[in-house]
Amino acid sequence: MLAVALMLIIEGIFPFVFPVAWRDTFRRIAERPPHHIRIGGLIVMGLGLALLMLAT
């Protein structure tokens, strides 16, 4: 539960502080082909798993 709360806080910082830049970036990401988005998600999950393993 603590990890989910921290993720929500971090995810909310960018649209709160930089709403226009966040929207433009999100729009550019949404225009990419699905396999590019999938690869990006895989990379982010791998980084998260590596950080989790480092922290424990």
C-alpha atoms as a PDB file:
ATOM      1  CA  MET A   1       0.000   0.000   0.000  1.00  0.00           C
ATOM      2  CA  LEU A   2       2.890   2.337   0.806  1.00  0.00           C
ATOM      3  CA  ALA A   3       4.443   1.717  -2.624  1.00  0.00           C
ATOM      4  CA  VAL A   4       1.169   2.497  -4.404  1.00  0.00           C
ATOM      5  CA  ALA A   5       0.764   5.701  -2.387  1.00  0.00           C
ATOM      6  CA  LEU A   6       4.298   6.799  -3.257  1.00  0.00           C
ATOM      7  CA  MET A   7       3.714   6.005  -6.943  1.00  0.00           C
ATOM      8  CA  LEU A   8       0.545   8.129  -6.950  1.00  0.00           C
ATOM      9  CA  ILE A   9       2.377  11.050  -5.345  1.00  0.00           C
ATOM     10  CA  ILE A  10       5.222  10.865  -7.861  1.00  0.00           C
ATOM     11  CA  GLU A  11       2.821  10.449 -10.809  1.00  0.00           C
ATOM     12  CA  GLY A  12       0.866  13.507  -9.677  1.00  0.00           C
ATOM     13  CA  ILE A  13       3.866  15.820  -9.358  1.00  0.00           C
ATOM     14  CA  PHE A  14       4.496  16.255 -13.093  1.00  0.00           C
ATOM     15  CA  PRO A  15       0.970  17.207 -14.214  1.00  0.00           C
ATOM     16  CA  PHE A  16       0.660  19.486 -11.171  1.00  0.00           C
ATOM     17  CA  VAL A  17       3.946  21.353 -11.728  1.00  0.00           C
ATOM     18  CA  PHE A  18       4.187  21.223 -15.563  1.00  0.00           C
ATOM     19  CA  PRO A  19       0.638  20.726 -16.908  1.00  0.00           C
ATOM     20  CA  VAL A  20       1.252  21.983 -20.462  1.00  0.00           C
ATOM     21  CA  ALA A  21       4.530  20.118 -20.951  1.00  0.00           C
ATOM     22  CA  TRP A  22       3.002  16.960 -19.432  1.00  0.00           C
ATOM     23  CA  ARG A  23       0.029  17.122 -21.812  1.00  0.00           C
ATOM     24  CA  ASP A  24       2.271  17.671 -24.858  1.00  0.00           C
ATOM     25  CA  THR A  25       4.564  14.812 -23.848  1.00  0.00           C
ATOM     26  CA  PHE A  26       1.601  12.500 -23.221  1.00  0.00           C
ATOM     27  CA  ARG A  27       0.161  13.413 -26.631  1.00  0.00           C
ATOM     28  CA  ARG A  28       3.482  12.607 -28.372  1.00  0.00           C
ATOM     29  CA  ILE A  29       3.713   9.270 -26.568  1.00  0.00           C
ATOM     30  CA  ALA A  30       0.118   8.412 -27.528  1.00  0.00           C
ATOM     31  CA  GLU A  31       0.946   8.999 -31.203  1.00  0.00           C
ATOM     32  CA  ARG A  32       3.695   6.372 -31.199  1.00  0.00           C
ATOM     33  CA  PRO A  33       3.060   2.872 -32.547  1.00  0.00           C
ATOM     34  CA  PRO A  34       1.815   0.369 -29.933  1.00  0.00           C
ATOM     35  CA  HIS A  35       5.016  -1.707 -30.012  1.00  0.00           C
ATOM     36  CA  HIS A  36       7.089   1.378 -29.066  1.00  0.00           C
ATOM     37  CA  ILE A  37       4.811   2.003 -26.087  1.00  0.00           C
ATOM     38  CA  ARG A  38       5.027  -1.673 -25.099  1.00  0.00           C
ATOM     39  CA  ILE A  39       8.847  -1.612 -25.231  1.00  0.00           C
ATOM     40  CA  GLY A  40       8.879   1.567 -23.132  1.00  0.00           C
ATOM     41  CA  GLY A  41       6.621  -0.102 -20.562  1.00  0.00           C
ATOM     42  CA  LEU A  42       8.897  -3.137 -20.462  1.00  0.00           C
ATOM     43  CA  ILE A  43      11.942  -0.937 -19.875  1.00  0.00           C
ATOM     44  CA  VAL A  44      10.193   0.963 -17.058  1.00  0.00           C
ATOM     45  CA  MET A  45       9.068  -2.300 -15.421  1.00  0.00           C
ATOM     46  CA  GLY A  46      12.624  -3.649 -15.655  1.00  0.00           C
ATOM     47  CA  LEU A  47      14.024  -0.513 -14.035  1.00  0.00           C
ATOM     48  CA  GLY A  48      11.413  -0.740 -11.283  1.00  0.00           C
ATOM     49  CA  LEU A  49      12.238  -4.393 -10.659  1.00  0.00           C
ATOM     50  CA  ALA A  50      15.965  -3.616 -10.522  1.00  0.00           C
ATOM     51  CA  LEU A  51      15.363  -0.791  -8.025  1.00  0.00           C
ATOM     52  CA  LEU A  52      13.139  -3.053  -5.931  1.00  0.00           C
ATOM     53  CA  MET A  53      15.828  -5.729  -5.847  1.00  0.00           C
ATOM     54  CA  LEU A  54      18.454  -3.140  -4.876  1.00  0.00           C
ATOM     55  CA  ALA A  55      16.259  -1.825  -2.065  1.00  0.00           C
ATOM     56  CA  THR A  56      15.637  -5.235  -0.508  1.00  0.00           C
END
